[in-house]
């Protein structure tokens, strides 16, 4: 459970923004999306490898 303490004179929008940032860091939504559809290990490894190759190609261009 995420707890956000609202400071004196802080607006609700600011507190909501801090809550969203903390919630994003926990990775709950990412985990939920990953669990919605089963992905075989071979497919997961393939996508991981593709992402790594893509990131390396970006670093080499610089």
PDB file of N, CA and C in Angstrom:
ATOM      1  N   UNK A   1       0.836  -1.174   0.000  1.00  0.00           N
ATOM      2  CA  UNK A   1       0.000   0.000   0.000  1.00  0.00           C
ATOM      3  C   UNK A   1       0.884   1.241   0.000  1.00  0.00           C
ATOM      4  N   UNK A   2       0.575   2.154  -0.892  1.00  0.00           N
ATOM      5  CA  UNK A   2       1.367   3.370  -1.027  1.00  0.00           C
ATOM      6  C   UNK A   2       0.745   4.471  -0.164  1.00  0.00           C
ATOM      7  N   UNK A   3       1.585   5.089   0.646  1.00  0.00           N
ATOM      8  CA  UNK A   3       1.118   6.160   1.514  1.00  0.00           C
ATOM      9  C   UNK A   3       1.809   7.450   1.100  1.00  0.00           C
ATOM     10  N   UNK A   4       1.008   8.480   0.886  1.00  0.00           N
ATOM     11  CA  UNK A   4       1.524   9.795   0.530  1.00  0.00           C
ATOM     12  C   UNK A   4       1.087  10.781   1.610  1.00  0.00           C
ATOM     13  N   UNK A   5       2.036  11.431   2.234  1.00  0.00           N
ATOM     14  CA  UNK A   5       1.720  12.461   3.219  1.00  0.00           C
ATOM     15  C   UNK A   5       1.597  13.789   2.516  1.00  0.00           C
ATOM     16  N   UNK A   6       0.451  14.426   2.675  1.00  0.00           N
ATOM     17  CA  UNK A   6       0.233  15.726   2.059  1.00  0.00           C
ATOM     18  C   UNK A   6       0.818  16.786   2.972  1.00  0.00           C
ATOM     19  N   UNK A   7       1.698  17.598   2.416  1.00  0.00           N
ATOM     20  CA  UNK A   7       2.374  18.627   3.198  1.00  0.00           C
ATOM     21  C   UNK A   7       1.462  19.836   3.391  1.00  0.00           C
ATOM     22  N   UNK A   8       1.826  20.656   4.342  1.00  0.00           N
ATOM     23  CA  UNK A   8       1.042  21.859   4.651  1.00  0.00           C
ATOM     24  C   UNK A   8       1.009  22.790   3.446  1.00  0.00           C
ATOM     25  N   UNK A   9      -0.195  23.126   2.993  1.00  0.00           N
ATOM     26  CA  UNK A   9      -0.354  24.053   1.874  1.00  0.00           C
ATOM     27  C   UNK A   9      -0.083  23.437   0.506  1.00  0.00           C
ATOM     28  N   UNK A  10       0.080  22.115   0.427  1.00  0.00           N
ATOM     29  CA  UNK A  10       0.353  21.462  -0.857  1.00  0.00           C
ATOM     30  C   UNK A  10      -0.960  21.210  -1.592  1.00  0.00           C
ATOM     31  N   UNK A  11      -0.951  21.440  -2.887  1.00  0.00           N
ATOM     32  CA  UNK A  11      -2.176  21.243  -3.660  1.00  0.00           C
ATOM     33  C   UNK A  11      -2.408  19.743  -3.893  1.00  0.00           C
ATOM     34  N   UNK A  12      -3.648  19.412  -4.167  1.00  0.00           N
ATOM     35  CA  UNK A  12      -4.016  18.017  -4.413  1.00  0.00           C
ATOM     36  C   UNK A  12      -3.350  17.510  -5.688  1.00  0.00           C
ATOM     37  N   UNK A  13      -3.237  18.382  -6.691  1.00  0.00           N
ATOM     38  CA  UNK A  13      -2.611  17.984  -7.948  1.00  0.00           C
ATOM     39  C   UNK A  13      -1.162  17.560  -7.732  1.00  0.00           C
ATOM     40  N   UNK A  14      -0.464  18.306  -6.902  1.00  0.00           N
ATOM     41  CA  UNK A  14       0.948  17.998  -6.616  1.00  0.00           C
ATOM     42  C   UNK A  14       1.064  16.651  -5.884  1.00  0.00           C
ATOM     43  N   UNK A  15       0.192  16.430  -4.917  1.00  0.00           N
ATOM     44  CA  UNK A  15       0.207  15.169  -4.162  1.00  0.00           C
ATOM     45  C   UNK A  15      -0.151  14.005  -5.076  1.00  0.00           C
ATOM     46  N   UNK A  16      -1.102  14.223  -5.969  1.00  0.00           N
ATOM     47  CA  UNK A  16      -1.488  13.173  -6.913  1.00  0.00           C
ATOM     48  C   UNK A  16      -0.339  12.832  -7.845  1.00  0.00           C
ATOM     49  N   UNK A  17       0.413  13.839  -8.252  1.00  0.00           N
ATOM     50  CA  UNK A  17       1.569  13.620  -9.116  1.00  0.00           C
ATOM     51  C   UNK A  17       2.628  12.775  -8.401  1.00  0.00           C
ATOM     52  N   UNK A  18       2.857  13.067  -7.096  1.00  0.00           N
ATOM     53  CA  UNK A  18       3.810  12.276  -6.315  1.00  0.00           C
ATOM     54  C   UNK A  18       3.327  10.837  -6.168  1.00  0.00           C
ATOM     55  N   UNK A  19       2.011  10.668  -5.966  1.00  0.00           N
ATOM     56  CA  UNK A  19       1.442   9.323  -5.851  1.00  0.00           C
ATOM     57  C   UNK A  19       1.648   8.539  -7.138  1.00  0.00           C
ATOM     58  N   UNK A  20       1.367   9.170  -8.265  1.00  0.00           N
ATOM     59  CA  UNK A  20       1.525   8.500  -9.562  1.00  0.00           C
ATOM     60  C   UNK A  20       2.969   8.080  -9.789  1.00  0.00           C
ATOM     61  N   UNK A  21       3.914   8.942  -9.397  1.00  0.00           N
ATOM     62  CA  UNK A  21       5.329   8.626  -9.580  1.00  0.00           C
ATOM     63  C   UNK A  21       5.728   7.420  -8.733  1.00  0.00           C
ATOM     64  N   UNK A  22       5.264   7.386  -7.473  1.00  0.00           N
ATOM     65  CA  UNK A  22       5.566   6.254  -6.600  1.00  0.00           C
ATOM     66  C   UNK A  22       4.939   4.975  -7.132  1.00  0.00           C
ATOM     67  N   UNK A  23       3.705   5.096  -7.605  1.00  0.00           N
ATOM     68  CA  UNK A  23       2.988   3.937  -8.139  1.00  0.00           C
ATOM     69  C   UNK A  23       3.695   3.394  -9.370  1.00  0.00           C
ATOM     70  N   UNK A  24       4.188   4.273 -10.199  1.00  0.00           N
ATOM     71  CA  UNK A  24       4.912   3.871 -11.414  1.00  0.00           C
ATOM     72  C   UNK A  24       6.189   3.109 -11.057  1.00  0.00           C
ATOM     73  N   UNK A  25       6.881   3.547 -10.001  1.00  0.00           N
ATOM     74  CA  UNK A  25       8.127   2.906  -9.582  1.00  0.00           C
ATOM     75  C   UNK A  25       7.909   1.480  -9.081  1.00  0.00           C
ATOM     76  N   UNK A  26       6.735   1.201  -8.527  1.00  0.00           N
ATOM     77  CA  UNK A  26       6.491  -0.140  -8.006  1.00  0.00           C
ATOM     78  C   UNK A  26       6.390  -1.171  -9.121  1.00  0.00           C
ATOM     79  N   UNK A  27       5.967  -0.747 -10.314  1.00  0.00           N
ATOM     80  CA  UNK A  27       5.899  -1.663 -11.452  1.00  0.00           C
ATOM     81  C   UNK A  27       4.672  -2.548 -11.454  1.00  0.00           C
ATOM     82  N   UNK A  28       3.630  -2.174 -10.745  1.00  0.00           N
ATOM     83  CA  UNK A  28       2.423  -2.991 -10.651  1.00  0.00           C
ATOM     84  C   UNK A  28       1.736  -3.106 -12.011  1.00  0.00           C
ATOM     85  N   UNK A  29       1.588  -1.996 -12.704  1.00  0.00           N
ATOM     86  CA  UNK A  29       0.914  -2.026 -14.004  1.00  0.00           C
ATOM     87  C   UNK A  29       1.706  -2.827 -15.030  1.00  0.00           C
ATOM     88  N   UNK A  30       3.024  -2.682 -15.021  1.00  0.00           N
ATOM     89  CA  UNK A  30       3.877  -3.425 -15.955  1.00  0.00           C
ATOM     90  C   UNK A  30       3.717  -4.932 -15.715  1.00  0.00           C
ATOM     91  N   UNK A  31       3.722  -5.316 -14.452  1.00  0.00           N
ATOM     92  CA  UNK A  31       3.543  -6.720 -14.080  1.00  0.00           C
ATOM     93  C   UNK A  31       2.175  -7.228 -14.528  1.00  0.00           C
ATOM     94  N   UNK A  32       1.158  -6.426 -14.338  1.00  0.00           N
ATOM     95  CA  UNK A  32      -0.196  -6.801 -14.731  1.00  0.00           C
ATOM     96  C   UNK A  32      -0.294  -7.014 -16.235  1.00  0.00           C
ATOM     97  N   UNK A  33       0.290  -6.115 -17.002  1.00  0.00           N
ATOM     98  CA  UNK A  33       0.257  -6.253 -18.463  1.00  0.00           C
ATOM     99  C   UNK A  33       1.009  -7.497 -18.912  1.00  0.00           C
ATOM    100  N   UNK A  34       2.119  -7.799 -18.256  1.00  0.00           N
ATOM    101  CA  UNK A  34       2.889  -8.997 -18.618  1.00  0.00           C
ATOM    102  C   UNK A  34       2.114 -10.271 -18.317  1.00  0.00           C
ATOM    103  N   UNK A  35       1.316 -10.262 -17.284  1.00  0.00           N
ATOM    104  CA  UNK A  35       0.580 -11.459 -16.878  1.00  0.00           C
ATOM    105  C   UNK A  35      -0.723 -11.650 -17.630  1.00  0.00           C
ATOM    106  N   UNK A  36      -1.177 -10.660 -18.384  1.00  0.00           N
ATOM    107  CA  UNK A  36      -2.443 -10.774 -19.092  1.00  0.00           C
ATOM    108  C   UNK A  36      -2.410 -11.864 -20.149  1.00  0.00           C
ATOM    109  N   UNK A  37      -1.301 -11.988 -20.843  1.00  0.00           N
ATOM    110  CA  UNK A  37      -1.189 -12.998 -21.886  1.00  0.00           C
ATOM    111  C   UNK A  37       0.104 -13.770 -21.671  1.00  0.00           C
ATOM    112  N   UNK A  38       0.022 -15.082 -21.705  1.00  0.00           N
ATOM    113  CA  UNK A  38       1.205 -15.905 -21.501  1.00  0.00           C
ATOM    114  C   UNK A  38       2.133 -15.783 -22.701  1.00  0.00           C
ATOM    115  N   UNK A  39       3.425 -15.706 -22.424  1.00  0.00           N
ATOM    116  CA  UNK A  39       4.425 -15.626 -23.474  1.00  0.00           C
ATOM    117  C   UNK A  39       5.445 -16.734 -23.245  1.00  0.00           C
ATOM    118  N   UNK A  40       5.676 -17.511 -24.282  1.00  0.00           N
ATOM    119  CA  UNK A  40       6.633 -18.603 -24.149  1.00  0.00           C
ATOM    120  C   UNK A  40       8.023 -18.044 -23.862  1.00  0.00           C
ATOM    121  N   UNK A  41       8.855 -18.859 -23.217  1.00  0.00           N
ATOM    122  CA  UNK A  41      10.212 -18.422 -22.877  1.00  0.00           C
ATOM    123  C   UNK A  41      11.011 -18.055 -24.111  1.00  0.00           C
ATOM    124  N   UNK A  42      10.866 -18.852 -25.171  1.00  0.00           N
ATOM    125  CA  UNK A  42      11.629 -18.594 -26.385  1.00  0.00           C
ATOM    126  C   UNK A  42      11.245 -17.242 -26.988  1.00  0.00           C
ATOM    127  N   UNK A  43       9.975 -16.927 -26.941  1.00  0.00           N
ATOM    128  CA  UNK A  43       9.502 -15.644 -27.483  1.00  0.00           C
ATOM    129  C   UNK A  43      10.001 -14.501 -26.615  1.00  0.00           C
ATOM    130  N   UNK A  44       9.957 -14.681 -25.305  1.00  0.00           N
ATOM    131  CA  UNK A  44      10.430 -13.648 -24.386  1.00  0.00           C
ATOM    132  C   UNK A  44      11.921 -13.383 -24.604  1.00  0.00           C
ATOM    133  N   UNK A  45      12.702 -14.443 -24.757  1.00  0.00           N
ATOM    134  CA  UNK A  45      14.137 -14.281 -25.005  1.00  0.00           C
ATOM    135  C   UNK A  45      14.393 -13.574 -26.324  1.00  0.00           C
ATOM    136  N   UNK A  46      13.606 -13.919 -27.329  1.00  0.00           N
ATOM    137  CA  UNK A  46      13.762 -13.300 -28.644  1.00  0.00           C
ATOM    138  C   UNK A  46      13.497 -11.798 -28.580  1.00  0.00           C
ATOM    139  N   UNK A  47      12.436 -11.410 -27.899  1.00  0.00           N
ATOM    140  CA  UNK A  47      12.130  -9.981 -27.789  1.00  0.00           C
ATOM    141  C   UNK A  47      13.183  -9.255 -26.961  1.00  0.00           C
ATOM    142  N   UNK A  48      13.693  -9.919 -25.919  1.00  0.00           N
ATOM    143  CA  UNK A  48      14.760  -9.330 -25.120  1.00  0.00           C
ATOM    144  C   UNK A  48      15.999  -9.100 -25.972  1.00  0.00           C
ATOM    145  N   UNK A  49      16.332 -10.086 -26.784  1.00  0.00           N
ATOM    146  CA  UNK A  49      17.504  -9.992 -27.650  1.00  0.00           C
ATOM    147  C   UNK A  49      17.324  -8.862 -28.671  1.00  0.00           C
ATOM    148  N   UNK A  50      16.128  -8.754 -29.249  1.00  0.00           N
ATOM    149  CA  UNK A  50      15.856  -7.685 -30.216  1.00  0.00           C
ATOM    150  C   UNK A  50      16.002  -6.314 -29.576  1.00  0.00           C
ATOM    151  N   UNK A  51      15.477  -6.176 -28.365  1.00  0.00           N
ATOM    152  CA  UNK A  51      15.592  -4.903 -27.663  1.00  0.00           C
ATOM    153  C   UNK A  51      17.045  -4.556 -27.359  1.00  0.00           C
ATOM    154  N   UNK A  52      17.828  -5.546 -26.972  1.00  0.00           N
ATOM    155  CA  UNK A  52      19.238  -5.314 -26.666  1.00  0.00           C
ATOM    156  C   UNK A  52      19.993  -4.891 -27.925  1.00  0.00           C
ATOM    157  N   UNK A  53      19.711  -5.534 -29.035  1.00  0.00           N
ATOM    158  CA  UNK A  53      20.368  -5.179 -30.300  1.00  0.00           C
ATOM    159  C   UNK A  53      20.003  -3.753 -30.698  1.00  0.00           C
ATOM    160  N   UNK A  54      18.736  -3.414 -30.529  1.00  0.00           N
ATOM    161  CA  UNK A  54      18.284  -2.069 -30.873  1.00  0.00           C
ATOM    162  C   UNK A  54      18.983  -1.017 -30.012  1.00  0.00           C
ATOM    163  N   UNK A  55      19.089  -1.272 -28.705  1.00  0.00           N
ATOM    164  CA  UNK A  55      19.732  -0.328 -27.808  1.00  0.00           C
ATOM    165  C   UNK A  55      21.214  -0.176 -28.139  1.00  0.00           C
ATOM    166  N   UNK A  56      21.884  -1.279 -28.492  1.00  0.00           N
ATOM    167  CA  UNK A  56      23.281  -1.208 -28.868  1.00  0.00           C
ATOM    168  C   UNK A  56      23.478  -0.398 -30.138  1.00  0.00           C
ATOM    169  N   UNK A  57      22.560  -0.564 -31.085  1.00  0.00           N
ATOM    170  CA  UNK A  57      22.691   0.187 -32.335  1.00  0.00           C
ATOM    171  C   UNK A  57      22.515   1.688 -32.069  1.00  0.00           C
ATOM    172  N   UNK A  58      21.666   2.053 -31.118  1.00  0.00           N
ATOM    173  CA  UNK A  58      21.502   3.467 -30.780  1.00  0.00           C
ATOM    174  C   UNK A  58      22.783   4.034 -30.168  1.00  0.00           C
ATOM    175  N   UNK A  59      23.434   3.243 -29.309  1.00  0.00           N
ATOM    176  CA  UNK A  59      24.662   3.701 -28.654  1.00  0.00           C
ATOM    177  C   UNK A  59      25.814   3.831 -29.635  1.00  0.00           C
ATOM    178  N   UNK A  60      25.852   2.993 -30.667  1.00  0.00           N
ATOM    179  CA  UNK A  60      26.946   3.024 -31.629  1.00  0.00           C
ATOM    180  C   UNK A  60      26.848   4.230 -32.552  1.00  0.00           C
ATOM    181  N   UNK A  61      25.656   4.725 -32.786  1.00  0.00           N
ATOM    182  CA  UNK A  61      25.481   5.868 -33.680  1.00  0.00           C
ATOM    183  C   UNK A  61      26.013   7.155 -33.075  1.00  0.00           C
ATOM    184  N   UNK A  62      26.022   7.216 -31.760  1.00  0.00           N
ATOM    185  CA  UNK A  62      26.441   8.452 -31.083  1.00  0.00           C
ATOM    186  C   UNK A  62      27.909   8.641 -31.123  1.00  0.00           C
TER     187      UNK A  62
END
